[in-house]
Amino acid sequence: MTCLETEPLIGASLDGELDPQTALRVENHLSECGTCSALLARLEKLREEIAAAELDLSARVDLRPLAAAIRRGRGDRWWKGPWLWRPVLGTVVAALLVMIALPARNRSTAEREMVDNHLRSLLADHLVDVPSSDQHTVKPWFQGKLNFSPAVPDLSGEGFVLVGGRLDVVNGKEAAAIVYKRRQHVVNLWYSPAEGADRPIESTTLEGFHLLRWQKNRLQYWAVSDLNPVELREFAELIRGQ
C-alpha cells in the first residue's frame, strides 16, 4: 500500500474497524513507513488525551465564552495583522475538534456495546429467554417485563426465521432483543426507548460485524449480525416498514 492509500485507513485501523485482510496490509505499511507511523502515534496520543479528560458526553458545548473571546480578539483592530486573530483561531479550532470528537467517541462506545451484546448472546444459553418461532408466543412474553410493547413480526416468508426473544440492556435502559436467523447467521434486533424525532437507517461495521441503527416512534432500533450488509439492510427495511 502507498501512503495515499493508507492515511485514510489509519483511524479505522486504530478503532479496529477494518476487515482482517485490509488491517494486515495497513499494518505492513505502518511497519515500513515512518510518516504513517508518526501519524498513527499522534492519533493514539489524541485519543488518550480525550479519554483522560473524562469529558461528559451528555453535556452540550457552551459556545458563549468562545463567541466572547472572538469579539474581544477582533475588536476594532482585526485589520492590523494576522497575529491578533491567530490565538482566537486556535480557540475556534480547539472547540471544533472537541465538538467533532465527542459525538464520534459516543458513537464508537455505542457500537462497541452493541457488538459486545451480540457476542455475549452467542454464548451457550444466552441467545434467548423465550425460544419460539411463533410471534404469538414471543410477543406476549414481554408483557409486564417492559414499559413498551416490542413488535415481533413474522419474516419467515422473506427468509428471516424467528428464533425467540430475551431481555437485555442498551445504553443503561431495559431493552427487548428479538432474535432471527438467516441461514446460519444470527441477527440480533434490539428495541429500546428513545427521545427525539425519527431517524433513517445508519450503517457501520466493527470487527467484521455489521450494525444498523435507526429510530421510529420513540423507539431506537439496533440490528447486528455477521450477515452481509445487503441482506441485513433488507432485514432492517422490513422491520422499519412494520
C-alpha atoms as a PDB file:
ATOM      1  CA  MET A   1       0.000   0.000   0.000  1.00  0.00           C
ATOM      2  CA  THR A   2       1.055   3.600  -0.583  1.00  0.00           C
ATOM      3  CA  CYS A   3       0.834   6.442   1.928  1.00  0.00           C
ATOM      4  CA  LEU A   4      -2.052   7.880  -0.083  1.00  0.00           C
ATOM      5  CA  GLU A   5      -3.992   4.634   0.340  1.00  0.00           C
ATOM      6  CA  THR A   6      -3.016   4.094   3.970  1.00  0.00           C
ATOM      7  CA  GLU A   7      -3.612   7.505   5.555  1.00  0.00           C
ATOM      8  CA  PRO A   8      -7.456   7.438   5.264  1.00  0.00           C
ATOM      9  CA  LEU A   9      -7.484   3.980   6.880  1.00  0.00           C
ATOM     10  CA  ILE A  10      -5.298   4.718   9.901  1.00  0.00           C
ATOM     11  CA  GLY A  11      -8.184   5.952  12.060  1.00  0.00           C
ATOM     12  CA  ALA A  12     -10.296   2.914  11.176  1.00  0.00           C
ATOM     13  CA  SER A  13      -7.328   0.673  11.940  1.00  0.00           C
ATOM     14  CA  LEU A  14      -6.915   2.309  15.348  1.00  0.00           C
ATOM     15  CA  ASP A  15     -10.595   1.628  16.135  1.00  0.00           C
ATOM     16  CA  GLY A  16     -10.451  -1.982  14.917  1.00  0.00           C
ATOM     17  CA  GLU A  17     -12.944  -1.334  12.122  1.00  0.00           C
ATOM     18  CA  LEU A  18     -11.017  -2.868   9.195  1.00  0.00           C
ATOM     19  CA  ASP A  19     -11.523  -6.330   7.811  1.00  0.00           C
ATOM     20  CA  PRO A  20      -8.597  -8.696   8.559  1.00  0.00           C
ATOM     21  CA  GLN A  21      -7.065  -8.514   5.073  1.00  0.00           C
ATOM     22  CA  THR A  22      -7.065  -4.711   4.909  1.00  0.00           C
ATOM     23  CA  ALA A  23      -5.865  -4.460   8.508  1.00  0.00           C
ATOM     24  CA  LEU A  24      -2.871  -6.663   7.665  1.00  0.00           C
ATOM     25  CA  ARG A  25      -1.982  -4.535   4.645  1.00  0.00           C
ATOM     26  CA  VAL A  26      -2.174  -1.358   6.730  1.00  0.00           C
ATOM     27  CA  GLU A  27      -0.062  -2.935   9.479  1.00  0.00           C
ATOM     28  CA  ASN A  28       2.575  -3.986   6.951  1.00  0.00           C
ATOM     29  CA  HIS A  29       2.746  -0.471   5.539  1.00  0.00           C
ATOM     30  CA  LEU A  30       2.999   1.090   9.003  1.00  0.00           C
ATOM     31  CA  SER A  31       5.922  -1.178   9.839  1.00  0.00           C
ATOM     32  CA  GLU A  32       7.825   0.235   6.850  1.00  0.00           C
ATOM     33  CA  CYS A  33       6.699   3.874   6.722  1.00  0.00           C
ATOM     34  CA  GLY A  34       7.875   6.348   9.334  1.00  0.00           C
ATOM     35  CA  THR A  35       5.500   9.094   8.168  1.00  0.00           C
ATOM     36  CA  CYS A  36       2.353   7.000   8.553  1.00  0.00           C
ATOM     37  CA  SER A  37       3.625   5.501  11.816  1.00  0.00           C
ATOM     38  CA  ALA A  38       4.081   9.015  13.186  1.00  0.00           C
ATOM     39  CA  LEU A  39       0.524   9.883  12.168  1.00  0.00           C
ATOM     40  CA  LEU A  40      -0.749   6.776  13.962  1.00  0.00           C
ATOM     41  CA  ALA A  41       1.205   7.766  17.087  1.00  0.00           C
ATOM     42  CA  ARG A  42      -0.346  11.254  17.045  1.00  0.00           C
ATOM     43  CA  LEU A  43      -3.845   9.812  16.724  1.00  0.00           C
ATOM     44  CA  GLU A  44      -3.186   7.388  19.592  1.00  0.00           C
ATOM     45  CA  LYS A  45      -1.957  10.260  21.767  1.00  0.00           C
ATOM     46  CA  LEU A  46      -5.012  12.371  20.891  1.00  0.00           C
ATOM     47  CA  ARG A  47      -7.349   9.513  21.806  1.00  0.00           C
ATOM     48  CA  GLU A  48      -5.550   9.023  25.134  1.00  0.00           C
ATOM     49  CA  GLU A  49      -5.800  12.735  25.927  1.00  0.00           C
ATOM     50  CA  ILE A  50      -9.532  12.798  25.146  1.00  0.00           C
ATOM     51  CA  ALA A  51     -10.101   9.698  27.291  1.00  0.00           C
ATOM     52  CA  ALA A  52      -8.031  11.141  30.149  1.00  0.00           C
ATOM     53  CA  ALA A  53     -10.099  14.331  30.104  1.00  0.00           C
ATOM     54  CA  GLU A  54     -13.170  12.317  31.225  1.00  0.00           C
ATOM     55  CA  LEU A  55     -15.452  14.670  29.328  1.00  0.00           C
ATOM     56  CA  ASP A  56     -19.190  14.476  29.932  1.00  0.00           C
ATOM     57  CA  LEU A  57     -20.656  13.253  26.667  1.00  0.00           C
ATOM     58  CA  SER A  58     -24.154  14.252  27.706  1.00  0.00           C
ATOM     59  CA  ALA A  59     -23.291  17.897  28.158  1.00  0.00           C
ATOM     60  CA  ARG A  60     -23.872  20.386  25.371  1.00  0.00           C
ATOM     61  CA  VAL A  61     -20.896  22.501  24.375  1.00  0.00           C
ATOM     62  CA  ASP A  62     -21.419  26.086  25.529  1.00  0.00           C
ATOM     63  CA  LEU A  63     -20.002  28.351  22.834  1.00  0.00           C
ATOM     64  CA  ARG A  64     -20.831  31.636  24.540  1.00  0.00           C
ATOM     65  CA  PRO A  65     -17.317  32.025  26.038  1.00  0.00           C
ATOM     66  CA  LEU A  66     -15.894  31.267  22.606  1.00  0.00           C
ATOM     67  CA  ALA A  67     -18.062  33.913  20.981  1.00  0.00           C
ATOM     68  CA  ALA A  68     -16.980  36.448  23.614  1.00  0.00           C
ATOM     69  CA  ALA A  69     -13.325  35.584  23.016  1.00  0.00           C
ATOM     70  CA  ILE A  70     -13.758  36.134  19.293  1.00  0.00           C
ATOM     71  CA  ARG A  71     -15.349  39.517  19.875  1.00  0.00           C
ATOM     72  CA  ARG A  72     -12.570  40.544  22.290  1.00  0.00           C
ATOM     73  CA  GLY A  73      -9.861  39.362  19.946  1.00  0.00           C
ATOM     74  CA  ARG A  74     -11.424  41.038  16.940  1.00  0.00           C
ATOM     75  CA  GLY A  75     -12.383  44.427  18.374  1.00  0.00           C
ATOM     76  CA  ASP A  76     -11.578  47.292  16.016  1.00  0.00           C
ATOM     77  CA  ARG A  77      -8.068  46.011  15.326  1.00  0.00           C
ATOM     78  CA  TRP A  78      -8.887  42.948  13.211  1.00  0.00           C
ATOM     79  CA  TRP A  79      -7.356  44.643  10.163  1.00  0.00           C
ATOM     80  CA  LYS A  80      -3.972  45.266  11.816  1.00  0.00           C
ATOM     81  CA  GLY A  81      -2.500  41.828  11.259  1.00  0.00           C
ATOM     82  CA  PRO A  82      -3.000  38.062  11.449  1.00  0.00           C
ATOM     83  CA  TRP A  83      -1.062  37.816  14.736  1.00  0.00           C
ATOM     84  CA  LEU A  84      -4.062  39.360  16.502  1.00  0.00           C
ATOM     85  CA  TRP A  85      -6.560  36.704  15.468  1.00  0.00           C
ATOM     86  CA  ARG A  86      -4.333  33.631  15.403  1.00  0.00           C
ATOM     87  CA  PRO A  87      -4.917  32.894  19.143  1.00  0.00           C
ATOM     88  CA  VAL A  88      -8.656  33.234  18.580  1.00  0.00           C
ATOM     89  CA  LEU A  89      -8.446  30.947  15.563  1.00  0.00           C
ATOM     90  CA  GLY A  90      -6.650  28.400  17.725  1.00  0.00           C
ATOM     91  CA  THR A  91      -9.503  28.555  20.242  1.00  0.00           C
ATOM     92  CA  VAL A  92     -12.048  28.056  17.457  1.00  0.00           C
ATOM     93  CA  VAL A  93     -10.177  25.049  16.088  1.00  0.00           C
ATOM     94  CA  ALA A  94      -9.836  23.502  19.541  1.00  0.00           C
ATOM     95  CA  ALA A  95     -13.552  23.919  20.236  1.00  0.00           C
ATOM     96  CA  LEU A  96     -14.482  22.407  16.877  1.00  0.00           C
ATOM     97  CA  LEU A  97     -12.185  19.433  17.495  1.00  0.00           C
ATOM     98  CA  VAL A  98     -13.914  18.764  20.824  1.00  0.00           C
ATOM     99  CA  MET A  99     -17.359  19.072  19.211  1.00  0.00           C
ATOM    100  CA  ILE A 100     -16.352  16.602  16.491  1.00  0.00           C
ATOM    101  CA  ALA A 101     -14.508  14.182  18.765  1.00  0.00           C
ATOM    102  CA  LEU A 102     -17.250  13.809  21.383  1.00  0.00           C
ATOM    103  CA  PRO A 103     -20.042  12.555  19.085  1.00  0.00           C
ATOM    104  CA  ALA A 104     -17.557  10.260  17.336  1.00  0.00           C
ATOM    105  CA  ARG A 105     -16.435   8.828  20.667  1.00  0.00           C
ATOM    106  CA  ASN A 106     -20.053   8.462  21.752  1.00  0.00           C
ATOM    107  CA  ARG A 107     -20.925   6.575  18.549  1.00  0.00           C
ATOM    108  CA  SER A 108     -17.886   4.346  18.913  1.00  0.00           C
ATOM    109  CA  THR A 109     -18.844   3.496  22.505  1.00  0.00           C
ATOM    110  CA  ALA A 110     -22.409   2.623  21.489  1.00  0.00           C
ATOM    111  CA  GLU A 111     -21.243   0.435  18.616  1.00  0.00           C
ATOM    112  CA  ARG A 112     -18.771  -1.350  20.870  1.00  0.00           C
ATOM    113  CA  GLU A 113     -21.580  -2.024  23.383  1.00  0.00           C
ATOM    114  CA  MET A 114     -23.845  -3.487  20.701  1.00  0.00           C
ATOM    115  CA  VAL A 115     -21.163  -5.781  19.292  1.00  0.00           C
ATOM    116  CA  ASP A 116     -20.379  -6.935  22.833  1.00  0.00           C
ATOM    117  CA  ASN A 117     -24.090  -7.601  23.419  1.00  0.00           C
ATOM    118  CA  HIS A 118     -24.247  -9.579  20.190  1.00  0.00           C
ATOM    119  CA  LEU A 119     -21.199 -11.673  21.062  1.00  0.00           C
ATOM    120  CA  ARG A 120     -22.474 -12.271  24.595  1.00  0.00           C
ATOM    121  CA  SER A 121     -25.767 -13.549  23.210  1.00  0.00           C
ATOM    122  CA  LEU A 122     -23.962 -16.173  21.144  1.00  0.00           C
ATOM    123  CA  LEU A 123     -22.611 -17.836  24.270  1.00  0.00           C
ATOM    124  CA  ALA A 124     -24.324 -21.041  25.396  1.00  0.00           C
ATOM    125  CA  ASP A 125     -27.817 -20.474  26.844  1.00  0.00           C
ATOM    126  CA  HIS A 126     -27.625 -16.712  26.357  1.00  0.00           C
ATOM    127  CA  LEU A 127     -29.287 -16.295  22.964  1.00  0.00           C
ATOM    128  CA  VAL A 128     -32.961 -16.273  24.042  1.00  0.00           C
ATOM    129  CA  ASP A 129     -35.070 -16.322  27.205  1.00  0.00           C
ATOM    130  CA  VAL A 130     -38.155 -17.459  25.306  1.00  0.00           C
ATOM    131  CA  PRO A 131     -37.251 -19.820  22.453  1.00  0.00           C
ATOM    132  CA  SER A 132     -40.010 -19.918  19.845  1.00  0.00           C
ATOM    133  CA  SER A 133     -40.585 -19.379  16.146  1.00  0.00           C
ATOM    134  CA  ASP A 134     -44.155 -18.250  16.897  1.00  0.00           C
ATOM    135  CA  GLN A 135     -44.583 -14.484  17.151  1.00  0.00           C
ATOM    136  CA  HIS A 136     -47.730 -15.027  19.247  1.00  0.00           C
ATOM    137  CA  THR A 137     -45.609 -16.744  21.877  1.00  0.00           C
ATOM    138  CA  VAL A 138     -42.668 -14.315  21.892  1.00  0.00           C
ATOM    139  CA  LYS A 139     -44.569 -11.003  21.894  1.00  0.00           C
ATOM    140  CA  PRO A 140     -46.821 -11.773  24.923  1.00  0.00           C
ATOM    141  CA  TRP A 141     -43.787 -12.965  26.889  1.00  0.00           C
ATOM    142  CA  PHE A 142     -42.549  -9.350  27.125  1.00  0.00           C
ATOM    143  CA  GLN A 143     -45.798  -8.062  28.646  1.00  0.00           C
ATOM    144  CA  GLY A 144     -45.223  -6.781  32.173  1.00  0.00           C
ATOM    145  CA  LYS A 145     -41.447  -7.008  31.764  1.00  0.00           C
ATOM    146  CA  LEU A 146     -41.022  -3.761  29.785  1.00  0.00           C
ATOM    147  CA  ASN A 147     -42.800  -0.410  29.701  1.00  0.00           C
ATOM    148  CA  PHE A 148     -43.288  -0.732  25.935  1.00  0.00           C
ATOM    149  CA  SER A 149     -44.507  -3.467  23.631  1.00  0.00           C
ATOM    150  CA  PRO A 150     -41.941  -4.602  21.039  1.00  0.00           C
ATOM    151  CA  ALA A 151     -43.149  -5.752  17.648  1.00  0.00           C
ATOM    152  CA  VAL A 152     -42.290  -9.335  16.741  1.00  0.00           C
ATOM    153  CA  PRO A 153     -43.020  -9.633  13.022  1.00  0.00           C
ATOM    154  CA  ASP A 154     -43.048 -12.976  11.239  1.00  0.00           C
ATOM    155  CA  LEU A 155     -40.466 -12.643   8.462  1.00  0.00           C
ATOM    156  CA  SER A 156     -40.103 -16.323   7.648  1.00  0.00           C
ATOM    157  CA  GLY A 157     -41.602 -15.707   4.217  1.00  0.00           C
ATOM    158  CA  GLU A 158     -38.704 -13.340   3.492  1.00  0.00           C
ATOM    159  CA  GLY A 159     -36.091 -15.811   4.737  1.00  0.00           C
ATOM    160  CA  PHE A 160     -35.597 -14.477   8.283  1.00  0.00           C
ATOM    161  CA  VAL A 161     -36.692 -17.132  10.762  1.00  0.00           C
ATOM    162  CA  LEU A 162     -37.740 -16.095  14.271  1.00  0.00           C
ATOM    163  CA  VAL A 163     -35.678 -17.820  16.978  1.00  0.00           C
ATOM    164  CA  GLY A 164     -37.077 -16.145  20.098  1.00  0.00           C
ATOM    165  CA  GLY A 165     -36.557 -13.166  22.387  1.00  0.00           C
ATOM    166  CA  ARG A 166     -34.828 -12.084  25.572  1.00  0.00           C
ATOM    167  CA  LEU A 167     -34.490  -9.131  27.921  1.00  0.00           C
ATOM    168  CA  ASP A 168     -31.331  -7.070  27.508  1.00  0.00           C
ATOM    169  CA  VAL A 169     -29.841  -3.671  28.348  1.00  0.00           C
ATOM    170  CA  VAL A 170     -28.928  -0.957  25.827  1.00  0.00           C
ATOM    171  CA  ASN A 171     -27.300   2.278  26.993  1.00  0.00           C
ATOM    172  CA  GLY A 172     -28.350   1.567  30.553  1.00  0.00           C
ATOM    173  CA  LYS A 173     -32.014   1.054  29.651  1.00  0.00           C
ATOM    174  CA  GLU A 174     -34.066  -2.125  29.554  1.00  0.00           C
ATOM    175  CA  ALA A 175     -34.435  -3.376  26.016  1.00  0.00           C
ATOM    176  CA  ALA A 176     -36.120  -6.161  24.092  1.00  0.00           C
ATOM    177  CA  ALA A 177     -33.898  -8.339  21.934  1.00  0.00           C
ATOM    178  CA  ILE A 178     -35.627 -10.279  19.156  1.00  0.00           C
ATOM    179  CA  VAL A 179     -33.502 -12.950  17.505  1.00  0.00           C
ATOM    180  CA  TYR A 180     -33.754 -14.119  13.901  1.00  0.00           C
ATOM    181  CA  LYS A 181     -31.684 -16.407  11.726  1.00  0.00           C
ATOM    182  CA  ARG A 182     -30.821 -16.131   8.052  1.00  0.00           C
ATOM    183  CA  ARG A 183     -29.284 -19.459   7.069  1.00  0.00           C
ATOM    184  CA  GLN A 184     -26.559 -19.899   9.742  1.00  0.00           C
ATOM    185  CA  HIS A 185     -26.296 -16.178  10.561  1.00  0.00           C
ATOM    186  CA  VAL A 186     -27.807 -14.868  13.794  1.00  0.00           C
ATOM    187  CA  VAL A 187     -29.423 -11.425  13.612  1.00  0.00           C
ATOM    188  CA  ASN A 188     -29.983  -9.617  16.914  1.00  0.00           C
ATOM    189  CA  LEU A 189     -32.625  -6.889  16.822  1.00  0.00           C
ATOM    190  CA  TRP A 190     -32.904  -4.556  19.840  1.00  0.00           C
ATOM    191  CA  TYR A 191     -35.738  -2.201  20.772  1.00  0.00           C
ATOM    192  CA  SER A 192     -35.224   0.428  23.485  1.00  0.00           C
ATOM    193  CA  PRO A 193     -36.975   3.702  24.411  1.00  0.00           C
ATOM    194  CA  ALA A 194     -35.564   6.861  22.815  1.00  0.00           C
ATOM    195  CA  GLU A 195     -36.270  10.575  22.692  1.00  0.00           C
ATOM    196  CA  GLY A 196     -36.408  12.750  19.610  1.00  0.00           C
ATOM    197  CA  ALA A 197     -37.590  12.526  16.045  1.00  0.00           C
ATOM    198  CA  ASP A 198     -37.476   9.523  13.744  1.00  0.00           C
ATOM    199  CA  ARG A 199     -34.081   8.857  12.144  1.00  0.00           C
ATOM    200  CA  PRO A 200     -33.221   6.924   8.996  1.00  0.00           C
ATOM    201  CA  ILE A 201     -31.155   3.759   8.969  1.00  0.00           C
ATOM    202  CA  GLU A 202     -27.451   4.358   9.598  1.00  0.00           C
ATOM    203  CA  SER A 203     -24.877   1.642   8.980  1.00  0.00           C
ATOM    204  CA  THR A 204     -21.393   0.885  10.232  1.00  0.00           C
ATOM    205  CA  THR A 205     -19.022  -2.054  10.614  1.00  0.00           C
ATOM    206  CA  LEU A 206     -16.969  -3.068  13.632  1.00  0.00           C
ATOM    207  CA  GLU A 207     -14.660  -6.087  13.842  1.00  0.00           C
ATOM    208  CA  GLY A 208     -16.385  -7.855  10.977  1.00  0.00           C
ATOM    209  CA  PHE A 209     -19.919  -7.282  12.318  1.00  0.00           C
ATOM    210  CA  HIS A 210     -22.413  -5.077  10.521  1.00  0.00           C
ATOM    211  CA  LEU A 211     -24.542  -2.699  12.587  1.00  0.00           C
ATOM    212  CA  LEU A 212     -27.683  -0.843  11.526  1.00  0.00           C
ATOM    213  CA  ARG A 213     -29.303   1.788  13.713  1.00  0.00           C
ATOM    214  CA  TRP A 214     -32.469   3.823  13.292  1.00  0.00           C
ATOM    215  CA  GLN A 215     -35.225   5.449  15.309  1.00  0.00           C
ATOM    216  CA  LYS A 216     -39.010   5.357  14.873  1.00  0.00           C
ATOM    217  CA  ASN A 217     -41.989   6.192  17.072  1.00  0.00           C
ATOM    218  CA  ARG A 218     -39.803   6.982  20.110  1.00  0.00           C
ATOM    219  CA  LEU A 219     -38.028   3.649  19.915  1.00  0.00           C
ATOM    220  CA  GLN A 220     -34.389   3.095  18.987  1.00  0.00           C
ATOM    221  CA  TYR A 221     -33.547   0.040  16.916  1.00  0.00           C
ATOM    222  CA  TRP A 222     -30.238  -1.778  16.510  1.00  0.00           C
ATOM    223  CA  ALA A 223     -29.656  -4.739  14.194  1.00  0.00           C
ATOM    224  CA  VAL A 224     -26.296  -6.535  14.462  1.00  0.00           C
ATOM    225  CA  SER A 225     -25.043  -9.586  12.574  1.00  0.00           C
ATOM    226  CA  ASP A 226     -22.208 -11.028  10.527  1.00  0.00           C
ATOM    227  CA  LEU A 227     -24.746 -11.366   7.720  1.00  0.00           C
ATOM    228  CA  ASN A 228     -23.701  -9.485   4.593  1.00  0.00           C
ATOM    229  CA  PRO A 229     -24.686  -5.781   4.514  1.00  0.00           C
ATOM    230  CA  VAL A 230     -27.170  -6.099   1.653  1.00  0.00           C
ATOM    231  CA  GLU A 231     -29.293  -8.763   3.356  1.00  0.00           C
ATOM    232  CA  LEU A 232     -29.026  -7.088   6.757  1.00  0.00           C
ATOM    233  CA  ARG A 233     -30.271  -3.851   5.193  1.00  0.00           C
ATOM    234  CA  GLU A 234     -33.163  -5.807   3.666  1.00  0.00           C
ATOM    235  CA  PHE A 235     -33.989  -7.119   7.146  1.00  0.00           C
ATOM    236  CA  ALA A 236     -33.897  -3.610   8.647  1.00  0.00           C
ATOM    237  CA  GLU A 237     -36.154  -2.211   5.937  1.00  0.00           C
ATOM    238  CA  LEU A 238     -38.683  -4.983   6.609  1.00  0.00           C
ATOM    239  CA  ILE A 239     -38.660  -4.206  10.353  1.00  0.00           C
ATOM    240  CA  ARG A 240     -38.841  -0.459   9.810  1.00  0.00           C
ATOM    241  CA  GLY A 241     -41.790  -0.898   7.478  1.00  0.00           C
ATOM    242  CA  GLN A 242     -43.912  -2.706  10.090  1.00  0.00           C
END
